[in-house]
């Protein structure tokens, strides 16, 4: 699997994750957030 290019930023209220996954269809991805764990999957990209 390939780790996608990503950026993190935060302020007092929000954590923002920007993920760049070229050549994927936006209808074919999975995001899972449980507590402090964040997982993103869009074949062939995976970010944890």
N, C-alpha and C. Protein backbone atom coordinates (compact mmCIF):
# COMPACT_ATOMS: atom_id res chain seq x y z
N UNK A 1 0.83 -1.18 0.00
CA UNK A 1 0.00 0.00 0.00
C UNK A 1 0.88 1.25 0.00
N UNK A 2 0.32 2.33 -0.49
CA UNK A 2 1.03 3.60 -0.62
C UNK A 2 0.49 4.59 0.41
N UNK A 3 1.38 5.30 1.08
CA UNK A 3 0.96 6.36 1.99
C UNK A 3 0.73 7.62 1.16
N UNK A 4 -0.48 8.19 1.22
CA UNK A 4 -0.76 9.38 0.42
C UNK A 4 -0.10 10.62 1.00
N UNK A 5 0.04 11.63 0.17
CA UNK A 5 0.51 12.93 0.65
C UNK A 5 -0.59 13.52 1.52
N UNK A 6 -0.21 14.06 2.69
CA UNK A 6 -1.22 14.62 3.58
C UNK A 6 -0.63 15.76 4.38
N UNK A 7 -1.53 16.61 4.90
CA UNK A 7 -1.16 17.74 5.75
C UNK A 7 -2.08 17.74 6.96
N UNK A 8 -1.54 18.11 8.12
CA UNK A 8 -2.31 18.25 9.34
C UNK A 8 -2.21 19.69 9.81
N UNK A 9 -3.32 20.22 10.30
CA UNK A 9 -3.31 21.53 10.95
C UNK A 9 -4.38 21.50 12.03
N UNK A 10 -4.21 22.37 13.02
CA UNK A 10 -5.19 22.40 14.07
C UNK A 10 -5.30 23.80 14.65
N UNK A 11 -6.45 24.06 15.25
CA UNK A 11 -6.66 25.28 16.02
C UNK A 11 -7.28 24.84 17.35
N UNK A 12 -7.82 25.75 18.08
CA UNK A 12 -8.35 25.43 19.41
C UNK A 12 -9.53 24.45 19.34
N UNK A 13 -10.25 24.41 18.22
CA UNK A 13 -11.45 23.59 18.13
C UNK A 13 -11.38 22.41 17.17
N UNK A 14 -10.51 22.48 16.16
CA UNK A 14 -10.54 21.48 15.10
C UNK A 14 -9.16 20.97 14.74
N UNK A 15 -9.11 19.71 14.31
CA UNK A 15 -7.94 19.11 13.67
C UNK A 15 -8.35 18.88 12.23
N UNK A 16 -7.58 19.43 11.29
CA UNK A 16 -7.90 19.31 9.87
C UNK A 16 -6.88 18.41 9.20
N UNK A 17 -7.37 17.42 8.46
CA UNK A 17 -6.52 16.49 7.71
C UNK A 17 -6.82 16.69 6.23
N UNK A 18 -5.80 17.04 5.45
CA UNK A 18 -5.94 17.19 4.00
C UNK A 18 -5.15 16.05 3.38
N UNK A 19 -5.84 15.21 2.61
CA UNK A 19 -5.22 14.03 1.99
C UNK A 19 -5.31 14.18 0.48
N UNK A 20 -4.19 13.98 -0.19
CA UNK A 20 -4.15 14.05 -1.66
C UNK A 20 -4.00 12.63 -2.21
N UNK A 21 -5.01 12.20 -2.94
CA UNK A 21 -4.98 10.86 -3.54
C UNK A 21 -5.38 10.97 -5.01
N UNK A 22 -4.40 11.25 -5.85
CA UNK A 22 -4.71 11.39 -7.28
C UNK A 22 -5.14 10.05 -7.89
N UNK A 23 -5.95 10.14 -8.91
CA UNK A 23 -6.38 8.98 -9.70
C UNK A 23 -7.25 8.01 -8.92
N UNK A 24 -7.99 8.49 -7.91
CA UNK A 24 -8.97 7.64 -7.23
C UNK A 24 -10.34 8.25 -7.41
N UNK A 25 -11.36 7.42 -7.32
CA UNK A 25 -12.73 7.90 -7.40
C UNK A 25 -13.21 8.21 -5.99
N UNK A 26 -13.78 9.39 -5.80
CA UNK A 26 -14.21 9.79 -4.47
C UNK A 26 -15.30 8.88 -3.90
N UNK A 27 -15.97 8.13 -4.71
CA UNK A 27 -16.98 7.20 -4.21
C UNK A 27 -16.37 5.92 -3.66
N UNK A 28 -15.07 5.76 -3.80
CA UNK A 28 -14.40 4.52 -3.40
C UNK A 28 -13.36 4.77 -2.33
N UNK A 29 -13.79 5.21 -1.13
CA UNK A 29 -12.85 5.41 -0.04
C UNK A 29 -13.53 5.09 1.28
N UNK A 30 -12.72 4.88 2.31
CA UNK A 30 -13.23 4.55 3.64
C UNK A 30 -12.47 5.38 4.66
N UNK A 31 -13.19 6.03 5.56
CA UNK A 31 -12.60 6.77 6.67
C UNK A 31 -13.16 6.21 7.96
N UNK A 32 -12.29 5.92 8.91
CA UNK A 32 -12.71 5.37 10.19
C UNK A 32 -12.03 6.17 11.30
N UNK A 33 -12.82 6.73 12.21
CA UNK A 33 -12.29 7.48 13.35
C UNK A 33 -12.88 6.88 14.61
N UNK A 34 -12.00 6.41 15.50
CA UNK A 34 -12.42 5.85 16.78
C UNK A 34 -11.51 6.42 17.85
N UNK A 35 -12.04 7.31 18.68
CA UNK A 35 -11.23 7.93 19.71
C UNK A 35 -10.10 8.73 19.09
N UNK A 36 -8.87 8.32 19.39
CA UNK A 36 -7.69 9.01 18.83
C UNK A 36 -7.17 8.36 17.56
N UNK A 37 -7.77 7.27 17.10
CA UNK A 37 -7.32 6.57 15.90
C UNK A 37 -8.04 7.08 14.66
N UNK A 38 -7.27 7.32 13.61
CA UNK A 38 -7.77 7.78 12.32
C UNK A 38 -7.24 6.85 11.25
N UNK A 39 -8.12 6.31 10.40
CA UNK A 39 -7.70 5.45 9.30
C UNK A 39 -8.39 5.90 8.02
N UNK A 40 -7.62 5.97 6.95
CA UNK A 40 -8.13 6.33 5.64
C UNK A 40 -7.68 5.28 4.65
N UNK A 41 -8.59 4.80 3.80
CA UNK A 41 -8.24 3.82 2.78
C UNK A 41 -8.93 4.17 1.47
N UNK A 42 -8.17 4.25 0.42
CA UNK A 42 -8.67 4.40 -0.95
C UNK A 42 -7.66 3.68 -1.83
N UNK A 43 -8.03 2.53 -2.31
CA UNK A 43 -7.10 1.67 -3.04
C UNK A 43 -6.30 2.44 -4.06
N UNK A 44 -4.99 2.42 -4.05
CA UNK A 44 -4.03 1.65 -3.25
C UNK A 44 -3.47 2.44 -2.06
N UNK A 45 -4.15 3.52 -1.62
CA UNK A 45 -3.64 4.39 -0.56
C UNK A 45 -4.16 3.99 0.81
N UNK A 46 -3.29 4.08 1.83
CA UNK A 46 -3.68 3.79 3.20
C UNK A 46 -2.95 4.74 4.13
N UNK A 47 -3.69 5.37 5.05
CA UNK A 47 -3.11 6.29 6.01
C UNK A 47 -3.67 5.97 7.39
N UNK A 48 -2.81 5.78 8.36
CA UNK A 48 -3.23 5.49 9.73
C UNK A 48 -2.57 6.46 10.66
